[in-house]
Amino acid sequence: MTAGRSGTQTGPGPDRRRFLRTVAASVAATTGVGLLTAADAAPARAGHRAVCHPHGTRPLFLGTYTSKEGGGTGIGRAGYDTATGQLTATGVVPGVADPSYLALGPSGRTLYAVDEQQQGAVTALALAPGGPPTVLGTRSTGGAGPCHLSVHPTGRWLLSANYLSGSVAVHPVDRATGALGERTDLVTHTDPPPGPGQDGPHAHQIVTAPDGRHVLAVDLGNDTVYTYRLDTGAGKLRPSSYATLRPGAGPRHLTFHPSGSFAYLANEVDNTVVVCRYDLRSGRLTPGAPQPTGTGPGTSYPAQILVTRNGRFAFLANRGHNSLTRYAVEAGGARLRLLDTVPVGGDFPRHIAFSPDERWLFAANQKSGSVTVFAVDARRGTLTSAGAPFAAPMPVCVLPL
């Protein structure tokens, strides 16, 4: 992939604790650009303490498809042993259709899910100590097939991406209850035109940048990452710039280095990863050259990339190769060095996630109906299987708390 080009968008137009803890201090110290005020961060810390769990176990939620054969009947519930990583099923949360992606609000008291259907929607659920979540309500996303959502670090806005419609939406969040209000914005990606083999824009992710003022939307269909300024008063997305990848790249998922100055982009269609430079002041993303996934020739459908809190290692889920690629992060985040690939122990790893302490990495394997768990060596970046796979109906998202 050649270096991407950036431009001004003319058409009409995210992480939880790691985001708050590591990026804010680094960004403020080096650039003078703050992330969140103390008043914004305090409720999140206090709220998270309010949800208590038995010593030695933590909750974990699983997204699935309820409308597909072999799928689940709602959001899966499990607990994981913090000493062994072993998973134990604890039930299902019904009442949410096709909850294929999940996110936790900054307060730790509210769970959000997409309803990935033709008439797309997002649902808010209240978390309670020792009990199942309760549905607070559902709101339309104004588009079809929403596949990703995230909560702005202030906790005031929910952002979602409609894959089939190629659009992104904004909903207000009630700070007291976590419930969602009516949509405040909907932006459809129209420029540049779709890439080769694509029938239109396909928004696959929307995430808040480290500066807290910009929102980045990854569009697989248009081979583009859009930057918007979020009006945190009105809940409106203002077009700022966009960065294009080479035609046919198919960008799917982006994650930031803890410094905030670099981001790593997994390209689903051309089987590459790209290191991007990010300007904290302007929000401009500049893609670099393509890098291999270590899976050999052909398309392995890279799904998601994670970066450790210490900024030393990155892990990529490869669905076609059924592996996890390990990279060493070098040059302060500016370079990824391919180390190796590790068998994931399942089929089609759609989503991967760290436990909050990053001791464990969980992989949701869609086609084998399993979740595999790995112990993460923070010093060497090695992954060690934590035991036999955990059976779950078509897991496509895993969210350990």
Protein backbone atom coordinates (compact mmCIF):
# COMPACT_ATOMS: atom_id res chain seq x y z
CA MET A 1 0.00 0.00 0.00
CA THR A 2 1.33 3.38 -0.85
CA ALA A 3 1.16 6.21 1.61
CA GLY A 4 -2.39 7.48 1.87
CA ARG A 5 -3.38 11.00 0.95
CA SER A 6 -5.26 13.37 3.16
CA GLY A 7 -7.75 15.98 2.09
CA THR A 8 -10.55 18.19 3.21
CA GLN A 9 -13.87 16.45 3.18
CA THR A 10 -16.42 18.16 1.00
CA GLY A 11 -19.33 15.74 1.30
CA PRO A 12 -21.89 15.78 4.11
CA GLY A 13 -20.94 14.40 6.26
CA PRO A 14 -13.64 4.95 20.02
CA ASP A 15 -10.47 3.49 25.35
CA ARG A 16 -12.18 3.16 28.63
CA ARG A 17 -9.71 3.15 31.48
CA ARG A 18 -6.62 2.92 29.28
CA PHE A 19 -7.88 5.93 27.35
CA LEU A 20 -8.39 7.98 30.48
CA ARG A 21 -5.33 6.80 32.37
CA THR A 22 -2.49 6.72 29.90
CA VAL A 23 -3.26 8.96 27.02
CA ALA A 24 -4.41 12.01 28.94
CA ALA A 25 -1.20 12.44 30.91
CA SER A 26 1.02 11.83 27.89
CA VAL A 27 -0.89 14.10 25.56
CA ALA A 28 -1.22 16.95 28.00
CA ALA A 29 2.45 16.78 28.95
CA THR A 30 3.80 16.71 25.42
CA THR A 31 1.38 18.82 23.43
CA GLY A 32 -0.60 20.88 25.89
CA VAL A 33 -3.77 19.33 24.51
CA GLY A 34 -5.82 17.95 27.39
CA LEU A 35 -8.12 14.99 27.13
CA LEU A 36 -10.68 15.31 29.91
CA THR A 37 -11.14 17.59 32.85
CA ALA A 38 -10.97 16.22 36.41
CA ALA A 39 -14.70 16.79 36.67
CA ASP A 40 -15.30 14.58 33.65
CA ALA A 41 -13.01 11.78 34.81
CA ALA A 42 -14.17 11.59 38.44
CA PRO A 43 -17.68 10.25 37.78
CA ALA A 44 -16.26 7.42 35.67
CA ARG A 45 -13.90 6.31 38.42
CA ALA A 46 -16.52 6.55 41.13
CA GLY A 47 -19.16 4.83 39.02
CA HIS A 48 -16.91 1.91 38.22
CA ARG A 49 -16.25 1.30 41.89
CA ALA A 50 -19.99 1.21 42.50
CA VAL A 51 -20.37 -2.07 40.58
CA CYS A 52 -18.86 -4.73 42.88
CA HIS A 53 -18.01 -8.31 41.95
CA PRO A 54 -17.02 -11.42 43.93
CA HIS A 55 -13.34 -11.61 44.74
CA GLY A 56 -11.44 -13.54 42.10
CA THR A 57 -14.10 -13.34 39.39
CA ARG A 58 -15.07 -10.68 36.91
CA PRO A 59 -18.01 -10.46 34.49
CA LEU A 60 -17.74 -10.88 30.76
CA PHE A 61 -20.34 -10.26 28.07
CA LEU A 62 -20.63 -11.83 24.63
CA GLY A 63 -22.17 -10.37 21.52
CA THR A 64 -23.81 -12.69 18.99
CA TYR A 65 -26.36 -12.89 16.20
CA THR A 66 -29.88 -13.86 17.27
CA SER A 67 -31.26 -14.07 13.72
CA LYS A 68 -28.71 -16.57 12.33
CA GLU A 69 -28.69 -20.34 12.61
CA GLY A 70 -26.36 -21.33 15.44
CA GLY A 71 -26.59 -17.90 16.99
CA GLY A 72 -27.55 -16.96 20.51
CA THR A 73 -30.74 -15.73 22.13
CA GLY A 74 -29.36 -12.48 23.47
CA ILE A 75 -26.24 -11.06 25.07
CA GLY A 76 -24.23 -13.87 26.65
CA ARG A 77 -23.12 -13.57 30.27
CA ALA A 78 -20.09 -15.27 31.82
CA GLY A 79 -17.55 -14.86 34.58
CA TYR A 80 -13.80 -15.27 34.28
CA ASP A 81 -11.39 -16.31 37.01
CA THR A 82 -8.86 -13.52 37.37
CA ALA A 83 -6.15 -16.02 38.41
CA THR A 84 -6.67 -18.65 35.68
CA GLY A 85 -8.68 -16.94 32.95
CA GLN A 86 -11.22 -19.80 33.03
CA LEU A 87 -14.71 -18.86 31.87
CA THR A 88 -18.03 -19.97 33.42
CA ALA A 89 -21.43 -19.28 31.85
CA THR A 90 -23.83 -17.25 33.99
CA GLY A 91 -26.81 -16.69 31.68
CA VAL A 92 -28.19 -14.63 28.82
CA VAL A 93 -29.65 -11.16 28.60
CA PRO A 94 -32.69 -11.39 26.25
CA GLY A 95 -34.45 -8.54 24.55
CA VAL A 96 -31.69 -7.31 22.22
CA ALA A 97 -31.76 -8.36 18.57
CA ASP A 98 -28.45 -9.26 16.90
CA PRO A 99 -26.22 -7.63 19.55
CA SER A 100 -23.05 -8.07 17.48
CA TYR A 101 -20.99 -5.36 19.20
CA LEU A 102 -20.88 -4.21 22.83
CA ALA A 103 -19.35 -1.31 24.70
CA LEU A 104 -19.17 -0.20 28.34
CA GLY A 105 -19.93 3.35 29.34
CA PRO A 106 -17.17 5.26 31.19
CA SER A 107 -19.10 5.08 34.47
CA GLY A 108 -19.02 1.26 34.35
CA ARG A 109 -22.76 1.20 35.09
CA THR A 110 -24.18 0.98 31.57
CA LEU A 111 -23.70 -1.50 28.72
CA TYR A 112 -24.47 -0.59 25.13
CA ALA A 113 -25.20 -2.92 22.21
CA VAL A 114 -25.87 -2.54 18.51
CA ASP A 115 -28.91 -4.19 16.99
CA GLU A 116 -27.34 -5.22 13.67
CA GLN A 117 -30.49 -5.45 11.60
CA GLN A 118 -31.89 -3.78 8.50
CA GLN A 119 -33.65 -1.29 10.72
CA GLY A 120 -30.59 -0.60 12.83
CA ALA A 121 -30.72 0.38 16.46
CA VAL A 122 -28.67 0.77 19.63
CA THR A 123 -29.72 -0.43 23.08
CA ALA A 124 -28.69 0.70 26.55
CA LEU A 125 -28.65 -1.73 29.51
CA ALA A 126 -28.16 -0.90 33.18
CA LEU A 127 -25.64 -3.03 35.09
CA ALA A 128 -26.39 -4.07 38.65
CA PRO A 129 -24.12 -5.70 41.24
CA GLY A 130 -24.71 -9.45 41.32
CA GLY A 131 -27.63 -9.42 38.87
CA PRO A 132 -28.37 -9.42 35.16
CA PRO A 133 -28.47 -6.18 33.19
CA THR A 134 -31.84 -4.59 32.52
CA VAL A 135 -32.76 -2.97 29.22
CA LEU A 136 -33.19 0.79 29.51
CA GLY A 137 -34.38 1.35 25.97
CA THR A 138 -33.55 1.21 22.27
CA ARG A 139 -33.08 3.95 19.71
CA SER A 140 -32.90 3.89 15.93
CA THR A 141 -29.52 4.57 14.33
CA GLY A 142 -31.17 5.85 11.18
CA GLY A 143 -29.33 3.27 9.07
CA ALA A 144 -28.95 -0.41 8.28
CA GLY A 145 -26.65 -2.99 9.83
CA PRO A 146 -24.93 -1.07 12.64
CA CYS A 147 -21.79 -3.07 13.50
CA HIS A 148 -19.82 -0.87 15.93
CA LEU A 149 -20.43 1.63 18.68
CA SER A 150 -18.41 3.51 21.27
CA VAL A 151 -19.04 6.00 24.03
CA HIS A 152 -17.35 9.37 24.13
CA PRO A 153 -15.02 9.58 27.17
CA THR A 154 -17.24 12.22 28.75
CA GLY A 155 -20.04 9.62 28.80
CA ARG A 156 -22.41 12.10 27.20
CA TRP A 157 -22.57 10.76 23.65
CA LEU A 158 -22.95 7.34 22.01
CA LEU A 159 -21.42 6.97 18.55
CA SER A 160 -22.42 4.18 16.14
CA ALA A 161 -21.50 3.01 12.64
CA ASN A 162 -24.08 1.71 10.16
CA TYR A 163 -22.23 -0.76 7.95
CA LEU A 164 -24.83 -1.34 5.25
CA SER A 165 -25.75 2.33 4.96
CA GLY A 166 -22.24 3.74 5.21
CA SER A 167 -23.29 6.24 7.83
CA VAL A 168 -22.45 7.21 11.42
CA ALA A 169 -24.85 8.35 14.13
CA VAL A 170 -24.77 10.22 17.44
CA HIS A 171 -27.10 9.72 20.42
CA PRO A 172 -27.15 11.67 23.69
CA VAL A 173 -26.63 9.72 26.92
CA ASP A 174 -28.41 10.60 30.14
CA ARG A 175 -25.58 11.09 32.63
CA ALA A 176 -27.73 9.96 35.57
CA THR A 177 -29.23 6.77 34.10
CA GLY A 178 -27.16 5.95 31.00
CA ALA A 179 -30.31 5.82 28.88
CA LEU A 180 -30.21 7.03 25.28
CA GLY A 181 -32.03 10.00 23.84
CA GLU A 182 -33.16 10.58 20.28
CA ARG A 183 -30.45 10.74 17.64
CA THR A 184 -28.82 14.14 17.27
CA ASP A 185 -26.91 13.49 14.07
CA LEU A 186 -26.56 11.12 11.12
CA VAL A 187 -23.81 11.54 8.53
CA THR A 188 -23.51 9.44 5.37
CA HIS A 189 -20.11 8.94 3.72
CA THR A 190 -20.34 10.08 0.11
CA ASP A 191 -16.84 11.21 -0.89
CA PRO A 192 -14.54 9.71 -2.08
CA PRO A 193 -16.39 7.07 -4.14
CA PRO A 194 -16.41 3.36 -3.20
CA GLY A 195 -13.32 1.24 -3.79
CA PRO A 196 -13.05 -1.62 -6.31
CA GLY A 197 -15.57 -4.40 -5.75
CA GLN A 198 -17.59 -2.31 -3.30
CA ASP A 199 -21.22 -1.34 -3.80
CA GLY A 200 -21.02 1.77 -1.65
CA PRO A 201 -19.72 3.13 1.65
CA HIS A 202 -19.57 0.69 4.59
CA ALA A 203 -18.87 2.37 7.92
CA HIS A 204 -17.17 -0.25 10.12
CA GLN A 205 -15.98 1.62 13.21
CA ILE A 206 -16.33 4.94 14.98
CA VAL A 207 -14.01 5.92 17.82
CA THR A 208 -12.99 9.03 19.74
CA ALA A 209 -9.42 10.16 19.17
CA PRO A 210 -6.94 10.75 22.05
CA ASP A 211 -7.46 14.49 21.98
CA GLY A 212 -11.12 13.96 22.93
CA ARG A 213 -12.29 16.55 20.39
CA HIS A 214 -12.14 14.50 17.23
CA VAL A 215 -14.02 11.38 16.15
CA LEU A 216 -12.65 8.97 13.54
CA ALA A 217 -14.90 6.82 11.36
CA VAL A 218 -13.37 3.90 9.42
CA ASP A 219 -15.16 3.12 6.18
CA LEU A 220 -14.33 -0.20 4.49
CA GLY A 221 -16.29 0.52 1.33
CA ASN A 222 -14.69 3.88 0.61
CA ASP A 223 -11.13 2.88 1.69
CA THR A 224 -11.21 5.97 3.88
CA VAL A 225 -10.90 7.12 7.49
CA TYR A 226 -12.96 10.24 8.18
CA THR A 227 -12.13 12.74 10.93
CA TYR A 228 -14.92 14.78 12.47
CA ARG A 229 -14.99 17.38 15.21
CA LEU A 230 -17.66 16.47 17.74
CA ASP A 231 -19.73 19.36 19.01
CA THR A 232 -20.12 18.12 22.58
CA GLY A 233 -22.88 20.60 23.24
CA ALA A 234 -25.14 19.79 20.34
CA GLY A 235 -24.03 16.24 19.48
CA LYS A 236 -23.16 17.14 15.92
CA LEU A 237 -20.31 15.82 13.76
CA ARG A 238 -18.48 18.50 11.80
CA PRO A 239 -16.37 17.23 8.87
CA SER A 240 -12.68 17.99 9.40
CA SER A 241 -10.54 15.87 7.05
CA TYR A 242 -10.23 12.42 5.61
CA ALA A 243 -7.39 10.01 4.83
CA THR A 244 -7.63 7.57 1.96
CA LEU A 245 -5.95 4.18 1.72
CA ARG A 246 -4.99 2.55 -1.53
CA PRO A 247 -7.96 1.31 -3.55
CA GLY A 248 -9.19 -2.07 -2.34
CA ALA A 249 -7.52 -1.91 1.10
CA GLY A 250 -10.80 -2.31 2.96
CA PRO A 251 -9.94 -0.62 6.30
CA ARG A 252 -11.88 -2.24 9.16
CA HIS A 253 -10.51 -1.40 12.61
CA LEU A 254 -8.24 1.28 14.04
CA THR A 255 -6.62 1.56 17.47
CA PHE A 256 -4.34 4.19 18.97
CA HIS A 257 -0.88 3.88 20.51
CA PRO A 258 -0.83 5.15 24.13
CA SER A 259 1.15 8.22 23.02
CA GLY A 260 -1.81 9.33 20.96
CA SER A 261 0.45 10.26 18.07
CA PHE A 262 0.12 6.99 16.15
CA ALA A 263 -2.70 4.65 15.18
CA TYR A 264 -2.72 1.16 13.67
CA LEU A 265 -5.21 0.27 10.99
CA ALA A 266 -6.22 -3.30 10.08
CA ASN A 267 -7.19 -3.64 6.43
CA GLU A 268 -9.63 -6.51 5.89
CA VAL A 269 -9.54 -6.85 2.11
CA ASP A 270 -5.86 -6.54 1.18
CA ASN A 271 -4.57 -8.36 4.30
CA THR A 272 -2.32 -5.60 5.61
CA VAL A 273 -1.72 -3.36 8.61
CA VAL A 274 -0.82 0.31 8.31
CA VAL A 275 0.89 2.57 10.84
CA CYS A 276 -0.71 6.01 10.72
CA ARG A 277 0.59 9.26 12.15
CA TYR A 278 -2.05 11.25 14.01
CA ASP A 279 -1.91 14.97 14.66
CA LEU A 280 -3.43 15.64 18.06
CA ARG A 281 -4.24 19.26 17.30
CA SER A 282 -5.77 19.04 13.87
CA GLY A 283 -7.10 15.47 14.02
CA ARG A 284 -5.48 14.69 10.69
CA LEU A 285 -4.56 11.04 10.10
CA THR A 286 -1.68 10.23 7.72
CA PRO A 287 -1.40 6.55 6.69
CA GLY A 288 2.01 5.01 6.07
CA ALA A 289 3.06 2.05 3.94
CA PRO A 290 1.36 -1.37 4.15
CA GLN A 291 2.83 -4.06 6.39
CA PRO A 292 2.28 -7.86 6.29
CA THR A 293 0.13 -9.77 8.73
CA GLY A 294 2.43 -12.83 8.71
CA THR A 295 -0.34 -15.05 7.34
CA GLY A 296 1.15 -15.63 3.92
CA PRO A 297 -0.40 -14.94 0.51
CA GLY A 298 -4.07 -14.43 -0.04
CA THR A 299 -6.67 -12.71 2.08
CA SER A 300 -6.91 -13.62 5.75
CA TYR A 301 -9.52 -11.03 6.65
CA PRO A 302 -7.77 -9.21 9.51
CA ALA A 303 -10.45 -8.20 11.98
CA GLN A 304 -9.07 -6.19 14.85
CA ILE A 305 -5.84 -4.91 16.31
CA LEU A 306 -5.01 -4.26 19.99
CA VAL A 307 -2.08 -2.41 21.58
CA THR A 308 -0.84 -3.06 25.11
CA ARG A 309 -1.10 -0.28 27.66
CA ASN A 310 2.70 -0.04 27.89
CA GLY A 311 2.81 0.55 24.16
CA ARG A 312 5.27 -2.28 23.49
CA PHE A 313 3.20 -4.89 21.67
CA ALA A 314 0.29 -5.16 19.28
CA PHE A 315 -1.92 -8.15 18.47
CA LEU A 316 -3.97 -8.69 15.32
CA ALA A 317 -6.83 -11.19 14.86
CA ASN A 318 -6.76 -13.01 11.50
CA ARG A 319 -10.08 -14.67 10.71
CA GLY A 320 -9.09 -16.63 7.61
CA HIS A 321 -5.75 -17.81 9.06
CA ASN A 322 -7.27 -18.48 12.52
CA SER A 323 -4.32 -16.85 14.21
CA LEU A 324 -3.16 -13.90 16.26
CA THR A 325 -0.26 -11.92 14.85
CA ARG A 326 2.21 -10.47 17.34
CA TYR A 327 4.06 -7.24 16.62
CA ALA A 328 6.72 -5.42 18.60
CA VAL A 329 5.98 -1.71 18.71
CA GLU A 330 9.14 0.32 18.18
CA ALA A 331 10.33 3.89 17.67
CA GLY A 332 7.87 5.31 20.17
CA GLY A 333 4.93 3.87 18.26
CA ALA A 334 6.04 4.79 14.75
CA ARG A 335 6.96 1.26 13.72
CA LEU A 336 5.50 -2.27 13.96
CA ARG A 337 7.91 -5.22 13.72
CA LEU A 338 6.34 -8.57 12.87
CA LEU A 339 7.23 -11.23 15.46
CA ASP A 340 5.11 -14.28 14.64
CA THR A 341 1.60 -15.69 14.44
CA VAL A 342 -0.03 -17.80 17.17
CA PRO A 343 -2.89 -20.27 16.48
CA VAL A 344 -6.04 -18.87 18.03
CA GLY A 345 -7.50 -22.30 18.87
CA GLY A 346 -10.80 -21.62 17.14
CA ASP A 347 -12.36 -20.74 13.82
CA PHE A 348 -12.78 -17.19 12.55
CA PRO A 349 -11.62 -14.91 15.41
CA ARG A 350 -14.01 -12.03 14.84
CA HIS A 351 -13.09 -9.99 17.92
CA ILE A 352 -10.35 -9.87 20.57
CA ALA A 353 -10.16 -7.97 23.85
CA PHE A 354 -7.91 -7.56 26.88
CA SER A 355 -9.07 -7.92 30.47
CA PRO A 356 -8.82 -4.50 32.15
CA ASP A 357 -5.47 -5.46 33.74
CA GLU A 358 -4.28 -6.85 30.39
CA ARG A 359 -3.36 -10.16 32.02
CA TRP A 360 -5.71 -12.03 29.69
CA LEU A 361 -6.60 -11.80 26.01
CA PHE A 362 -9.98 -13.19 24.93
CA ALA A 363 -10.81 -14.19 21.35
CA ALA A 364 -14.39 -14.60 20.12
CA ASN A 365 -14.34 -17.28 17.42
CA GLN A 366 -17.50 -16.91 15.39
CA LYS A 367 -17.57 -20.10 13.28
CA SER A 368 -16.37 -22.58 15.95
CA GLY A 369 -18.75 -21.16 18.58
CA SER A 370 -15.99 -20.68 21.12
CA VAL A 371 -14.00 -18.19 23.15
CA THR A 372 -10.31 -18.88 23.66
CA VAL A 373 -8.23 -17.26 26.40
CA PHE A 374 -4.53 -16.44 26.47
CA ALA A 375 -2.26 -15.27 29.26
CA VAL A 376 -0.34 -12.18 28.14
CA ASP A 377 3.30 -11.71 29.17
CA ALA A 378 3.60 -7.94 29.53
CA ARG A 379 7.40 -7.98 29.32
CA ARG A 380 7.88 -10.28 26.35
CA GLY A 381 4.53 -10.03 24.62
CA THR A 382 4.09 -13.81 24.48
CA LEU A 383 0.67 -15.48 24.48
CA THR A 384 0.04 -18.72 26.41
CA SER A 385 -3.20 -20.68 26.10
CA ALA A 386 -5.22 -20.64 29.32
CA GLY A 387 -6.95 -23.97 28.62
CA ALA A 388 -9.73 -25.50 26.57
CA PRO A 389 -12.06 -23.23 24.56
CA PHE A 390 -15.26 -22.00 26.17
CA ALA A 391 -18.38 -22.92 24.18
CA ALA A 392 -20.67 -20.04 23.21
CA PRO A 393 -23.24 -19.65 20.39
CA MET A 394 -21.65 -17.70 17.54
CA PRO A 395 -19.61 -15.20 19.59
CA VAL A 396 -18.71 -12.16 17.52
CA CYS A 397 -17.79 -9.75 20.33
CA VAL A 398 -16.22 -10.32 23.77
CA LEU A 399 -16.28 -7.69 26.49
CA PRO A 400 -14.46 -8.55 29.76
CA LEU A 401 -15.01 -6.11 32.62
